[in-house]
PDB file of all heavy atoms in Angstrom:
ATOM      1  N   HIS A   1     -11.376   3.696  -4.916  1.00  0.00           N
ATOM      2  CA  HIS A   1     -12.158   3.913  -3.699  1.00  0.00           C
ATOM      3  C   HIS A   1     -13.520   3.255  -3.900  1.00  0.00           C
ATOM      4  O   HIS A   1     -14.267   3.621  -4.802  1.00  0.00           O
ATOM      5  CB  HIS A   1     -12.296   5.414  -3.457  1.00  0.00           C
ATOM      6  CG  HIS A   1     -13.064   5.768  -2.237  1.00  0.00           C
ATOM      7  ND1 HIS A   1     -13.635   7.022  -2.070  1.00  0.00           N
ATOM      8  CD2 HIS A   1     -13.377   5.089  -1.111  1.00  0.00           C
ATOM      9  CE1 HIS A   1     -14.240   7.082  -0.905  1.00  0.00           C
ATOM     10  NE2 HIS A   1     -14.115   5.914  -0.306  1.00  0.00           N
ATOM     11  N   MET A   2     -13.830   2.287  -3.060  1.00  0.00           N
ATOM     12  CA  MET A   2     -15.076   1.533  -3.192  1.00  0.00           C
ATOM     13  C   MET A   2     -15.935   1.708  -1.950  1.00  0.00           C
ATOM     14  O   MET A   2     -15.424   1.828  -0.845  1.00  0.00           O
ATOM     15  CB  MET A   2     -14.769   0.044  -3.364  1.00  0.00           C
ATOM     16  CG  MET A   2     -13.891  -0.267  -4.523  1.00  0.00           C
ATOM     17  SD  MET A   2     -13.469  -2.011  -4.570  1.00  0.00           S
ATOM     18  CE  MET A   2     -12.013  -1.930  -5.602  1.00  0.00           C
ATOM     19  N   ASP A   3     -17.222   1.692  -2.186  1.00  0.00           N
ATOM     20  CA  ASP A   3     -18.197   1.676  -1.099  1.00  0.00           C
ATOM     21  C   ASP A   3     -19.185   0.568  -1.453  1.00  0.00           C
ATOM     22  O   ASP A   3     -19.945   0.696  -2.408  1.00  0.00           O
ATOM     23  CB  ASP A   3     -18.907   3.018  -0.981  1.00  0.00           C
ATOM     24  CG  ASP A   3     -19.885   3.067   0.178  1.00  0.00           C
ATOM     25  OD1 ASP A   3     -20.492   2.025   0.498  1.00  0.00           O
ATOM     26  OD2 ASP A   3     -20.064   4.151   0.754  1.00  0.00           O
ATOM     27  N   VAL A   4     -19.138  -0.524  -0.717  1.00  0.00           N
ATOM     28  CA  VAL A   4     -19.949  -1.693  -1.056  1.00  0.00           C
ATOM     29  C   VAL A   4     -21.185  -1.815  -0.159  1.00  0.00           C
ATOM     30  O   VAL A   4     -21.796  -2.875  -0.084  1.00  0.00           O
ATOM     31  CB  VAL A   4     -19.100  -2.987  -1.032  1.00  0.00           C
ATOM     32  CG1 VAL A   4     -18.012  -2.923  -2.091  1.00  0.00           C
ATOM     33  CG2 VAL A   4     -18.498  -3.241   0.338  1.00  0.00           C
ATOM     34  N   TYR A   5     -21.585  -0.705   0.470  1.00  0.00           N
ATOM     35  CA  TYR A   5     -22.726  -0.713   1.371  1.00  0.00           C
ATOM     36  C   TYR A   5     -24.000  -1.212   0.691  1.00  0.00           C
ATOM     37  O   TYR A   5     -24.803  -1.904   1.298  1.00  0.00           O
ATOM     38  CB  TYR A   5     -22.951   0.701   1.932  1.00  0.00           C
ATOM     39  CG  TYR A   5     -24.048   0.785   2.958  1.00  0.00           C
ATOM     40  CD1 TYR A   5     -23.857   0.293   4.242  1.00  0.00           C
ATOM     41  CD2 TYR A   5     -25.281   1.344   2.648  1.00  0.00           C
ATOM     42  CE1 TYR A   5     -24.864   0.365   5.199  1.00  0.00           C
ATOM     43  CE2 TYR A   5     -26.292   1.421   3.592  1.00  0.00           C
ATOM     44  CZ  TYR A   5     -26.073   0.922   4.867  1.00  0.00           C
ATOM     45  OH  TYR A   5     -27.063   0.985   5.805  1.00  0.00           O
ATOM     46  N   ARG A   6     -24.187  -0.857  -0.558  1.00  0.00           N
ATOM     47  CA  ARG A   6     -25.411  -1.218  -1.273  1.00  0.00           C
ATOM     48  C   ARG A   6     -25.254  -2.486  -2.112  1.00  0.00           C
ATOM     49  O   ARG A   6     -26.125  -2.801  -2.925  1.00  0.00           O
ATOM     50  CB  ARG A   6     -25.863  -0.067  -2.157  1.00  0.00           C
ATOM     51  CG  ARG A   6     -26.181   1.178  -1.356  1.00  0.00           C
ATOM     52  CD  ARG A   6     -26.827   2.251  -2.186  1.00  0.00           C
ATOM     53  NE  ARG A   6     -27.057   3.446  -1.411  1.00  0.00           N
ATOM     54  CZ  ARG A   6     -28.042   3.610  -0.551  1.00  0.00           C
ATOM     55  NH1 ARG A   6     -28.895   2.648  -0.346  1.00  0.00           N
ATOM     56  NH2 ARG A   6     -28.178   4.741   0.113  1.00  0.00           N
ATOM     57  N   ILE A   7     -24.181  -3.203  -1.922  1.00  0.00           N
ATOM     58  CA  ILE A   7     -23.923  -4.415  -2.703  1.00  0.00           C
ATOM     59  C   ILE A   7     -24.281  -5.635  -1.862  1.00  0.00           C
ATOM     60  O   ILE A   7     -23.924  -5.722  -0.698  1.00  0.00           O
ATOM     61  CB  ILE A   7     -22.416  -4.500  -3.081  1.00  0.00           C
ATOM     62  CG1 ILE A   7     -22.027  -3.328  -3.968  1.00  0.00           C
ATOM     63  CG2 ILE A   7     -22.081  -5.815  -3.737  1.00  0.00           C
ATOM     64  CD1 ILE A   7     -22.734  -3.283  -5.285  1.00  0.00           C
ATOM     65  N   ASP A   8     -24.955  -6.581  -2.487  1.00  0.00           N
ATOM     66  CA  ASP A   8     -25.121  -7.849  -1.776  1.00  0.00           C
ATOM     67  C   ASP A   8     -24.004  -8.778  -2.227  1.00  0.00           C
ATOM     68  O   ASP A   8     -23.350  -8.550  -3.237  1.00  0.00           O
ATOM     69  CB  ASP A   8     -26.513  -8.456  -1.998  1.00  0.00           C
ATOM     70  CG  ASP A   8     -26.765  -8.881  -3.432  1.00  0.00           C
ATOM     71  OD1 ASP A   8     -25.895  -9.529  -4.036  1.00  0.00           O
ATOM     72  OD2 ASP A   8     -27.859  -8.569  -3.954  1.00  0.00           O
ATOM     73  N   ASP A   9     -23.767  -9.802  -1.477  1.00  0.00           N
ATOM     74  CA  ASP A   9     -22.608 -10.668  -1.711  1.00  0.00           C
ATOM     75  C   ASP A   9     -22.670 -11.384  -3.059  1.00  0.00           C
ATOM     76  O   ASP A   9     -21.675 -11.888  -3.542  1.00  0.00           O
ATOM     77  CB  ASP A   9     -22.477 -11.679  -0.566  1.00  0.00           C
ATOM     78  CG  ASP A   9     -21.069 -12.213  -0.451  1.00  0.00           C
ATOM     79  OD1 ASP A   9     -20.124 -11.451  -0.719  1.00  0.00           O
ATOM     80  OD2 ASP A   9     -20.914 -13.407  -0.132  1.00  0.00           O
ATOM     81  N   ASN A  10     -23.821 -11.410  -3.692  1.00  0.00           N
ATOM     82  CA  ASN A  10     -23.948 -12.088  -4.983  1.00  0.00           C
ATOM     83  C   ASN A  10     -23.718 -11.159  -6.163  1.00  0.00           C
ATOM     84  O   ASN A  10     -23.647 -11.613  -7.290  1.00  0.00           O
ATOM     85  CB  ASN A  10     -25.343 -12.734  -5.097  1.00  0.00           C
ATOM     86  CG  ASN A  10     -25.551 -13.789  -4.041  1.00  0.00           C
ATOM     87  OD1 ASN A  10     -24.651 -14.555  -3.731  1.00  0.00           O
ATOM     88  ND2 ASN A  10     -26.748 -13.822  -3.469  1.00  0.00           N
ATOM     89  N   SER A  11     -23.620  -9.862  -5.929  1.00  0.00           N
ATOM     90  CA  SER A  11     -23.406  -8.908  -7.017  1.00  0.00           C
ATOM     91  C   SER A  11     -22.017  -9.092  -7.595  1.00  0.00           C
ATOM     92  O   SER A  11     -21.045  -9.331  -6.880  1.00  0.00           O
ATOM     93  CB  SER A  11     -23.548  -7.475  -6.504  1.00  0.00           C
ATOM     94  OG  SER A  11     -24.855  -7.233  -6.076  1.00  0.00           O
ATOM     95  N   ASP A  12     -21.935  -8.944  -8.907  1.00  0.00           N
ATOM     96  CA  ASP A  12     -20.636  -9.061  -9.560  1.00  0.00           C
ATOM     97  C   ASP A  12     -20.293  -7.718 -10.183  1.00  0.00           C
ATOM     98  O   ASP A  12     -20.794  -7.371 -11.239  1.00  0.00           O
ATOM     99  CB  ASP A  12     -20.660 -10.159 -10.619  1.00  0.00           C
ATOM    100  CG  ASP A  12     -19.303 -10.351 -11.272  1.00  0.00           C
ATOM    101  OD1 ASP A  12     -18.291  -9.935 -10.671  1.00  0.00           O
ATOM    102  OD2 ASP A  12     -19.256 -10.897 -12.385  1.00  0.00           O
ATOM    103  N   PHE A  13     -19.447  -6.958  -9.504  1.00  0.00           N
ATOM    104  CA  PHE A  13     -19.006  -5.676 -10.069  1.00  0.00           C
ATOM    105  C   PHE A  13     -17.511  -5.696 -10.339  1.00  0.00           C
ATOM    106  O   PHE A  13     -16.903  -4.670 -10.567  1.00  0.00           O
ATOM    107  CB  PHE A  13     -19.418  -4.499  -9.178  1.00  0.00           C
ATOM    108  CG  PHE A  13     -18.758  -4.454  -7.826  1.00  0.00           C
ATOM    109  CD1 PHE A  13     -17.650  -3.659  -7.603  1.00  0.00           C
ATOM    110  CD2 PHE A  13     -19.251  -5.218  -6.775  1.00  0.00           C
ATOM    111  CE1 PHE A  13     -17.046  -3.615  -6.365  1.00  0.00           C
ATOM    112  CE2 PHE A  13     -18.649  -5.177  -5.537  1.00  0.00           C
ATOM    113  CZ  PHE A  13     -17.543  -4.374  -5.324  1.00  0.00           C
ATOM    114  N   GLY A  14     -16.900  -6.875 -10.330  1.00  0.00           N
ATOM    115  CA  GLY A  14     -15.496  -7.008 -10.691  1.00  0.00           C
ATOM    116  C   GLY A  14     -14.521  -6.551  -9.625  1.00  0.00           C
ATOM    117  O   GLY A  14     -13.406  -6.161  -9.938  1.00  0.00           O
ATOM    118  N   VAL A  15     -14.913  -6.611  -8.357  1.00  0.00           N
ATOM    119  CA  VAL A  15     -14.036  -6.133  -7.285  1.00  0.00           C
ATOM    120  C   VAL A  15     -12.684  -6.837  -7.321  1.00  0.00           C
ATOM    121  O   VAL A  15     -11.651  -6.214  -7.107  1.00  0.00           O
ATOM    122  CB  VAL A  15     -14.707  -6.285  -5.899  1.00  0.00           C
ATOM    123  CG1 VAL A  15     -14.937  -7.737  -5.523  1.00  0.00           C
ATOM    124  CG2 VAL A  15     -13.889  -5.590  -4.829  1.00  0.00           C
ATOM    125  N   GLU A  16     -12.686  -8.126  -7.622  1.00  0.00           N
ATOM    126  CA  GLU A  16     -11.433  -8.882  -7.619  1.00  0.00           C
ATOM    127  C   GLU A  16     -10.443  -8.347  -8.654  1.00  0.00           C
ATOM    128  O   GLU A  16      -9.232  -8.429  -8.460  1.00  0.00           O
ATOM    129  CB  GLU A  16     -11.702 -10.370  -7.863  1.00  0.00           C
ATOM    130  CG  GLU A  16     -12.467 -11.043  -6.739  1.00  0.00           C
ATOM    131  CD  GLU A  16     -13.990 -10.969  -6.883  1.00  0.00           C
ATOM    132  OE1 GLU A  16     -14.498 -10.232  -7.780  1.00  0.00           O
ATOM    133  OE2 GLU A  16     -14.680 -11.619  -6.090  1.00  0.00           O
ATOM    134  N   ASP A  17     -10.950  -7.790  -9.761  1.00  0.00           N
ATOM    135  CA  ASP A  17     -10.069  -7.238 -10.797  1.00  0.00           C
ATOM    136  C   ASP A  17      -9.220  -6.092 -10.261  1.00  0.00           C
ATOM    137  O   ASP A  17      -8.079  -5.914 -10.676  1.00  0.00           O
ATOM    138  CB  ASP A  17     -10.892  -6.736 -11.988  1.00  0.00           C
ATOM    139  CG  ASP A  17     -11.635  -7.864 -12.695  1.00  0.00           C
ATOM    140  OD1 ASP A  17     -11.225  -9.037 -12.562  1.00  0.00           O
ATOM    141  OD2 ASP A  17     -12.642  -7.565 -13.360  1.00  0.00           O
ATOM    142  N   TYR A  18      -9.760  -5.322  -9.344  1.00  0.00           N
ATOM    143  CA  TYR A  18      -9.027  -4.188  -8.790  1.00  0.00           C
ATOM    144  C   TYR A  18      -7.864  -4.624  -7.909  1.00  0.00           C
ATOM    145  O   TYR A  18      -6.875  -3.920  -7.785  1.00  0.00           O
ATOM    146  CB  TYR A  18      -9.968  -3.273  -8.000  1.00  0.00           C
ATOM    147  CG  TYR A  18     -10.882  -2.477  -8.889  1.00  0.00           C
ATOM    148  CD1 TYR A  18     -12.160  -2.928  -9.182  1.00  0.00           C
ATOM    149  CD2 TYR A  18     -10.448  -1.277  -9.454  1.00  0.00           C
ATOM    150  CE1 TYR A  18     -12.996  -2.197 -10.008  1.00  0.00           C
ATOM    151  CE2 TYR A  18     -11.283  -0.542 -10.283  1.00  0.00           C
ATOM    152  CZ  TYR A  18     -12.554  -1.011 -10.559  1.00  0.00           C
ATOM    153  OH  TYR A  18     -13.374  -0.286 -11.381  1.00  0.00           O
ATOM    154  N   PHE A  19      -7.963  -5.782  -7.289  1.00  0.00           N
ATOM    155  CA  PHE A  19      -6.898  -6.247  -6.393  1.00  0.00           C
ATOM    156  C   PHE A  19      -5.626  -6.594  -7.154  1.00  0.00           C
ATOM    157  O   PHE A  19      -4.560  -6.681  -6.559  1.00  0.00           O
ATOM    158  CB  PHE A  19      -7.358  -7.452  -5.574  1.00  0.00           C
ATOM    159  CG  PHE A  19      -8.587  -7.191  -4.749  1.00  0.00           C
ATOM    160  CD1 PHE A  19      -9.549  -8.172  -4.599  1.00  0.00           C
ATOM    161  CD2 PHE A  19      -8.790  -5.975  -4.129  1.00  0.00           C
ATOM    162  CE1 PHE A  19     -10.683  -7.941  -3.844  1.00  0.00           C
ATOM    163  CE2 PHE A  19      -9.927  -5.728  -3.371  1.00  0.00           C
ATOM    164  CZ  PHE A  19     -10.869  -6.725  -3.234  1.00  0.00           C
ATOM    165  N   ASN A  20      -5.738  -6.818  -8.445  1.00  0.00           N
ATOM    166  CA  ASN A  20      -4.586  -7.206  -9.253  1.00  0.00           C
ATOM    167  C   ASN A  20      -3.992  -6.042 -10.028  1.00  0.00           C
ATOM    168  O   ASN A  20      -3.129  -6.241 -10.870  1.00  0.00           O
ATOM    169  CB  ASN A  20      -4.993  -8.333 -10.210  1.00  0.00           C
ATOM    170  CG  ASN A  20      -5.449  -9.554  -9.453  1.00  0.00           C
ATOM    171  OD1 ASN A  20      -4.824  -9.970  -8.486  1.00  0.00           O
ATOM    172  ND2 ASN A  20      -6.560 -10.132  -9.873  1.00  0.00           N
ATOM    173  N   LYS A  21      -4.468  -4.846  -9.770  1.00  0.00           N
ATOM    174  CA  LYS A  21      -3.933  -3.665 -10.442  1.00  0.00           C
ATOM    175  C   LYS A  21      -2.785  -3.087  -9.617  1.00  0.00           C
ATOM    176  O   LYS A  21      -2.563  -3.487  -8.487  1.00  0.00           O
ATOM    177  CB  LYS A  21      -5.041  -2.622 -10.640  1.00  0.00           C
ATOM    178  CG  LYS A  21      -6.121  -3.089 -11.589  1.00  0.00           C
ATOM    179  CD  LYS A  21      -7.095  -1.985 -11.887  1.00  0.00           C
ATOM    180  CE  LYS A  21      -8.107  -2.460 -12.913  1.00  0.00           C
ATOM    181  NZ  LYS A  21      -8.856  -1.353 -13.479  1.00  0.00           N
ATOM    182  N   ASP A  22      -2.083  -2.135 -10.200  1.00  0.00           N
ATOM    183  CA  ASP A  22      -0.914  -1.555  -9.539  1.00  0.00           C
ATOM    184  C   ASP A  22      -1.238  -0.357  -8.659  1.00  0.00           C
ATOM    185  O   ASP A  22      -0.349   0.406  -8.324  1.00  0.00           O
ATOM    186  CB  ASP A  22       0.138  -1.151 -10.584  1.00  0.00           C
ATOM    187  CG  ASP A  22       0.859  -2.359 -11.140  1.00  0.00           C
ATOM    188  OD1 ASP A  22       0.897  -3.390 -10.443  1.00  0.00           O
ATOM    189  OD2 ASP A  22       1.378  -2.273 -12.260  1.00  0.00           O
ATOM    190  N   GLY A  23      -2.486  -0.208  -8.288  1.00  0.00           N
ATOM    191  CA  GLY A  23      -2.867   0.907  -7.436  1.00  0.00           C
ATOM    192  C   GLY A  23      -3.179   0.449  -6.024  1.00  0.00           C
ATOM    193  O   GLY A  23      -2.789  -0.634  -5.595  1.00  0.00           O
ATOM    194  N   VAL A  24      -3.886   1.311  -5.303  1.00  0.00           N
ATOM    195  CA  VAL A  24      -4.315   1.032  -3.939  1.00  0.00           C
ATOM    196  C   VAL A  24      -5.837   0.953  -3.933  1.00  0.00           C
ATOM    197  O   VAL A  24      -6.503   1.828  -4.494  1.00  0.00           O
ATOM    198  CB  VAL A  24      -3.850   2.149  -2.968  1.00  0.00           C
ATOM    199  CG1 VAL A  24      -4.407   1.924  -1.577  1.00  0.00           C
ATOM    200  CG2 VAL A  24      -2.334   2.231  -2.932  1.00  0.00           C
ATOM    201  N   CYS A  25      -6.382  -0.085  -3.322  1.00  0.00           N
ATOM    202  CA  CYS A  25      -7.826  -0.231  -3.145  1.00  0.00           C
ATOM    203  C   CYS A  25      -8.179   0.114  -1.703  1.00  0.00           C
ATOM    204  O   CYS A  25      -7.572  -0.436  -0.780  1.00  0.00           O
ATOM    205  CB  CYS A  25      -8.273  -1.668  -3.398  1.00  0.00           C
ATOM    206  SG  CYS A  25      -8.111  -2.198  -5.088  1.00  0.00           S
ATOM    207  N   ILE A  26      -9.125   1.009  -1.539  1.00  0.00           N
ATOM    208  CA  ILE A  26      -9.669   1.282  -0.215  1.00  0.00           C
ATOM    209  C   ILE A  26     -11.166   1.010  -0.299  1.00  0.00           C
ATOM    210  O   ILE A  26     -11.866   1.598  -1.128  1.00  0.00           O
ATOM    211  CB  ILE A  26      -9.391   2.718   0.266  1.00  0.00           C
ATOM    212  CG1 ILE A  26      -7.884   2.990   0.300  1.00  0.00           C
ATOM    213  CG2 ILE A  26     -10.012   2.926   1.647  1.00  0.00           C
ATOM    214  CD1 ILE A  26      -7.504   4.380   0.805  1.00  0.00           C
ATOM    215  N   ILE A  27     -11.635   0.113   0.548  1.00  0.00           N
ATOM    216  CA  ILE A  27     -13.015  -0.358   0.475  1.00  0.00           C
ATOM    217  C   ILE A  27     -13.748  -0.017   1.762  1.00  0.00           C
ATOM    218  O   ILE A  27     -13.368  -0.470   2.845  1.00  0.00           O
ATOM    219  CB  ILE A  27     -13.060  -1.887   0.266  1.00  0.00           C
ATOM    220  CG1 ILE A  27     -12.183  -2.283  -0.919  1.00  0.00           C
ATOM    221  CG2 ILE A  27     -14.505  -2.360   0.087  1.00  0.00           C
ATOM    222  CD1 ILE A  27     -11.894  -3.769  -0.986  1.00  0.00           C
ATOM    223  N   GLU A  28     -14.804   0.785   1.636  1.00  0.00           N
ATOM    224  CA  GLU A  28     -15.666   1.080   2.780  1.00  0.00           C
ATOM    225  C   GLU A  28     -16.740  -0.002   2.872  1.00  0.00           C
ATOM    226  O   GLU A  28     -17.255  -0.453   1.867  1.00  0.00           O
ATOM    227  CB  GLU A  28     -16.318   2.455   2.622  1.00  0.00           C
ATOM    228  CG  GLU A  28     -15.302   3.587   2.634  1.00  0.00           C
ATOM    229  CD  GLU A  28     -15.959   4.952   2.682  1.00  0.00           C
ATOM    230  OE1 GLU A  28     -16.965   5.122   3.400  1.00  0.00           O
ATOM    231  OE2 GLU A  28     -15.451   5.866   1.993  1.00  0.00           O
ATOM    232  N   TRP A  29     -17.060  -0.407   4.100  1.00  0.00           N
ATOM    233  CA  TRP A  29     -18.052  -1.449   4.386  1.00  0.00           C
ATOM    234  C   TRP A  29     -17.589  -2.815   3.867  1.00  0.00           C
ATOM    235  O   TRP A  29     -18.403  -3.649   3.472  1.00  0.00           O
ATOM    236  CB  TRP A  29     -19.428  -1.084   3.803  1.00  0.00           C
ATOM    237  CG  TRP A  29     -19.968   0.207   4.294  1.00  0.00           C
ATOM    238  CD1 TRP A  29     -19.920   1.405   3.660  1.00  0.00           C
ATOM    239  CD2 TRP A  29     -20.618   0.454   5.544  1.00  0.00           C
ATOM    240  NE1 TRP A  29     -20.510   2.383   4.428  1.00  0.00           N
ATOM    241  CE2 TRP A  29     -20.952   1.822   5.597  1.00  0.00           C
ATOM    242  CE3 TRP A  29     -20.951  -0.366   6.625  1.00  0.00           C
ATOM    243  CZ2 TRP A  29     -21.601   2.397   6.679  1.00  0.00           C
ATOM    244  CZ3 TRP A  29     -21.611   0.222   7.699  1.00  0.00           C
ATOM    245  CH2 TRP A  29     -21.914   1.580   7.713  1.00  0.00           C
ATOM    246  N   SER A  30     -16.304  -3.070   3.877  1.00  0.00           N
ATOM    247  CA  SER A  30     -15.752  -4.294   3.294  1.00  0.00           C
ATOM    248  C   SER A  30     -16.253  -5.572   3.957  1.00  0.00           C
ATOM    249  O   SER A  30     -16.252  -6.631   3.338  1.00  0.00           O
ATOM    250  CB  SER A  30     -14.229  -4.263   3.351  1.00  0.00           C
ATOM    251  OG  SER A  30     -13.794  -4.287   4.698  1.00  0.00           O
ATOM    252  N   GLU A  31     -16.690  -5.483   5.204  1.00  0.00           N
ATOM    253  CA  GLU A  31     -17.174  -6.688   5.888  1.00  0.00           C
ATOM    254  C   GLU A  31     -18.355  -7.314   5.144  1.00  0.00           C
ATOM    255  O   GLU A  31     -18.622  -8.501   5.300  1.00  0.00           O
ATOM    256  CB  GLU A  31     -17.549  -6.370   7.329  1.00  0.00           C
ATOM    257  CG  GLU A  31     -18.627  -5.323   7.458  1.00  0.00           C
ATOM    258  CD  GLU A  31     -18.666  -4.645   8.818  1.00  0.00           C
ATOM    259  OE1 GLU A  31     -17.817  -4.907   9.673  1.00  0.00           O
ATOM    260  OE2 GLU A  31     -19.573  -3.822   9.006  1.00  0.00           O
ATOM    261  N   LEU A  32     -19.032  -6.537   4.294  1.00  0.00           N
ATOM    262  CA  LEU A  32     -20.172  -7.051   3.538  1.00  0.00           C
ATOM    263  C   LEU A  32     -19.757  -7.968   2.393  1.00  0.00           C
ATOM    264  O   LEU A  32     -20.583  -8.713   1.865  1.00  0.00           O
ATOM    265  CB  LEU A  32     -21.025  -5.892   3.001  1.00  0.00           C
ATOM    266  CG  LEU A  32     -21.632  -4.984   4.071  1.00  0.00           C
ATOM    267  CD1 LEU A  32     -22.337  -3.798   3.433  1.00  0.00           C
ATOM    268  CD2 LEU A  32     -22.576  -5.767   4.970  1.00  0.00           C
ATOM    269  N   ILE A  33     -18.477  -7.890   1.990  1.00  0.00           N
ATOM    270  CA  ILE A  33     -17.971  -8.764   0.915  1.00  0.00           C
ATOM    271  C   ILE A  33     -16.720  -9.518   1.392  1.00  0.00           C
ATOM    272  O   ILE A  33     -15.826  -9.802   0.607  1.00  0.00           O
ATOM    273  CB  ILE A  33     -17.682  -7.968  -0.377  1.00  0.00           C
ATOM    274  CG1 ILE A  33     -16.629  -6.876  -0.139  1.00  0.00           C
ATOM    275  CG2 ILE A  33     -18.965  -7.390  -0.964  1.00  0.00           C
ATOM    276  CD1 ILE A  33     -16.016  -6.321  -1.409  1.00  0.00           C
ATOM    277  N   GLU A  34     -16.679  -9.830   2.658  1.00  0.00           N
ATOM    278  CA  GLU A  34     -15.473 -10.389   3.272  1.00  0.00           C
ATOM    279  C   GLU A  34     -14.921 -11.608   2.537  1.00  0.00           C
ATOM    280  O   GLU A  34     -13.710 -11.753   2.395  1.00  0.00           O
ATOM    281  CB  GLU A  34     -15.757 -10.736   4.732  1.00  0.00           C
ATOM    282  CG  GLU A  34     -14.506 -11.079   5.495  1.00  0.00           C
ATOM    283  CD  GLU A  34     -14.740 -11.116   6.990  1.00  0.00           C
ATOM    284  OE1 GLU A  34     -15.876 -10.898   7.442  1.00  0.00           O
ATOM    285  OE2 GLU A  34     -13.760 -11.368   7.689  1.00  0.00           O
ATOM    286  N   ASP A  35     -15.784 -12.471   2.032  1.00  0.00           N
ATOM    287  CA  ASP A  35     -15.296 -13.675   1.367  1.00  0.00           C
ATOM    288  C   ASP A  35     -14.688 -13.395  -0.004  1.00  0.00           C
ATOM    289  O   ASP A  35     -14.076 -14.269  -0.608  1.00  0.00           O
ATOM    290  CB  ASP A  35     -16.412 -14.711   1.247  1.00  0.00           C
ATOM    291  CG  ASP A  35     -17.578 -14.245   0.411  1.00  0.00           C
ATOM    292  OD1 ASP A  35     -17.841 -13.029   0.359  1.00  0.00           O
ATOM    293  OD2 ASP A  35     -18.247 -15.106  -0.205  1.00  0.00           O
ATOM    294  N   ARG A  36     -14.790 -12.163  -0.488  1.00  0.00           N
ATOM    295  CA  ARG A  36     -14.218 -11.802  -1.788  1.00  0.00           C
ATOM    296  C   ARG A  36     -12.936 -10.985  -1.656  1.00  0.00           C
ATOM    297  O   ARG A  36     -12.299 -10.643  -2.644  1.00  0.00           O
ATOM    298  CB  ARG A  36     -15.247 -11.014  -2.581  1.00  0.00           C
ATOM    299  CG  ARG A  36     -16.488 -11.869  -2.862  1.00  0.00           C
ATOM    300  CD  ARG A  36     -17.641 -11.057  -3.313  1.00  0.00           C
ATOM    301  NE  ARG A  36     -17.471 -10.686  -4.709  1.00  0.00           N
ATOM    302  CZ  ARG A  36     -18.405 -10.051  -5.400  1.00  0.00           C
ATOM    303  NH1 ARG A  36     -19.539  -9.726  -4.827  1.00  0.00           N
ATOM    304  NH2 ARG A  36     -18.198  -9.738  -6.644  1.00  0.00           N
ATOM    305  N   LEU A  37     -12.555 -10.668  -0.430  1.00  0.00           N
ATOM    306  CA  LEU A  37     -11.375  -9.843  -0.195  1.00  0.00           C
ATOM    307  C   LEU A  37     -10.100 -10.666  -0.331  1.00  0.00           C
ATOM    308  O   LEU A  37     -10.106 -11.876  -0.086  1.00  0.00           O
ATOM    309  CB  LEU A  37     -11.444  -9.225   1.199  1.00  0.00           C
ATOM    310  CG  LEU A  37     -12.619  -8.291   1.455  1.00  0.00           C
ATOM    311  CD1 LEU A  37     -12.674  -7.896   2.934  1.00  0.00           C
ATOM    312  CD2 LEU A  37     -12.522  -7.060   0.568  1.00  0.00           C
ATOM    313  N   PRO A  38      -8.989  -9.997  -0.682  1.00  0.00           N
ATOM    314  CA  PRO A  38      -7.718 -10.734  -0.736  1.00  0.00           C
ATOM    315  C   PRO A  38      -7.306 -11.183   0.661  1.00  0.00           C
ATOM    316  O   PRO A  38      -7.641 -10.540   1.661  1.00  0.00           O
ATOM    317  CB  PRO A  38      -6.732  -9.715  -1.307  1.00  0.00           C
ATOM    318  CG  PRO A  38      -7.354  -8.384  -1.103  1.00  0.00           C
ATOM    319  CD  PRO A  38      -8.827  -8.594  -1.030  1.00  0.00           C
ATOM    320  N   GLN A  39      -6.592 -12.283   0.723  1.00  0.00           N
ATOM    321  CA  GLN A  39      -6.137 -12.787   2.025  1.00  0.00           C
ATOM    322  C   GLN A  39      -5.217 -11.791   2.710  1.00  0.00           C
ATOM    323  O   GLN A  39      -5.263 -11.641   3.921  1.00  0.00           O
ATOM    324  CB  GLN A  39      -5.423 -14.124   1.862  1.00  0.00           C
ATOM    325  CG  GLN A  39      -6.360 -15.273   1.619  1.00  0.00           C
ATOM    326  CD  GLN A  39      -5.624 -16.590   1.639  1.00  0.00           C
ATOM    327  OE1 GLN A  39      -4.510 -16.704   1.139  1.00  0.00           O
ATOM    328  NE2 GLN A  39      -6.242 -17.600   2.222  1.00  0.00           N
ATOM    329  N   GLU A  40      -4.359 -11.141   1.932  1.00  0.00           N
ATOM    330  CA  GLU A  40      -3.442 -10.155   2.501  1.00  0.00           C
ATOM    331  C   GLU A  40      -4.052  -8.775   2.318  1.00  0.00           C
ATOM    332  O   GLU A  40      -4.334  -8.342   1.197  1.00  0.00           O
ATOM    333  CB  GLU A  40      -2.064 -10.251   1.843  1.00  0.00           C
ATOM    334  CG  GLU A  40      -1.396 -11.572   2.174  1.00  0.00           C
ATOM    335  CD  GLU A  40       0.091 -11.571   1.874  1.00  0.00           C
ATOM    336  OE1 GLU A  40       0.649 -10.514   1.526  1.00  0.00           O
ATOM    337  OE2 GLU A  40       0.689 -12.648   2.005  1.00  0.00           O
ATOM    338  N   ARG A  41      -4.248  -8.095   3.457  1.00  0.00           N
ATOM    339  CA  ARG A  41      -4.887  -6.780   3.440  1.00  0.00           C
ATOM    340  C   ARG A  41      -4.766  -6.159   4.822  1.00  0.00           C
ATOM    341  O   ARG A  41      -4.327  -6.812   5.765  1.00  0.00           O
ATOM    342  CB  ARG A  41      -6.356  -6.900   3.048  1.00  0.00           C
ATOM    343  CG  ARG A  41      -7.172  -7.674   4.071  1.00  0.00           C
ATOM    344  CD  ARG A  41      -8.614  -7.877   3.627  1.00  0.00           C
ATOM    345  NE  ARG A  41      -9.433  -8.414   4.682  1.00  0.00           N
ATOM    346  CZ  ARG A  41      -9.608  -9.710   4.926  1.00  0.00           C
ATOM    347  NH1 ARG A  41      -9.003 -10.612   4.194  1.00  0.00           N
ATOM    348  NH2 ARG A  41     -10.378 -10.099   5.923  1.00  0.00           N
ATOM    349  N   LEU A  42      -5.213  -4.896   4.927  1.00  0.00           N
ATOM    350  CA  LEU A  42      -5.274  -4.216   6.207  1.00  0.00           C
ATOM    351  C   LEU A  42      -6.722  -3.859   6.491  1.00  0.00           C
ATOM    352  O   LEU A  42      -7.344  -3.121   5.725  1.00  0.00           O
ATOM    353  CB  LEU A  42      -4.413  -2.943   6.193  1.00  0.00           C
ATOM    354  CG  LEU A  42      -4.445  -2.099   7.473  1.00  0.00           C
ATOM    355  CD1 LEU A  42      -3.924  -2.896   8.671  1.00  0.00           C
ATOM    356  CD2 LEU A  42      -3.655  -0.817   7.281  1.00  0.00           C
TER     357      LEU A  42
END
């Protein structure tokens, strides 16, 4: 469960690493990191 409200687009907190795990990622305020999101998502 992520909340990226306080993250700027240049911050590196390893969000991409979570997309490759076997769990579910739910990201609040995801529009703030849109260019880092996986192409396939809801």
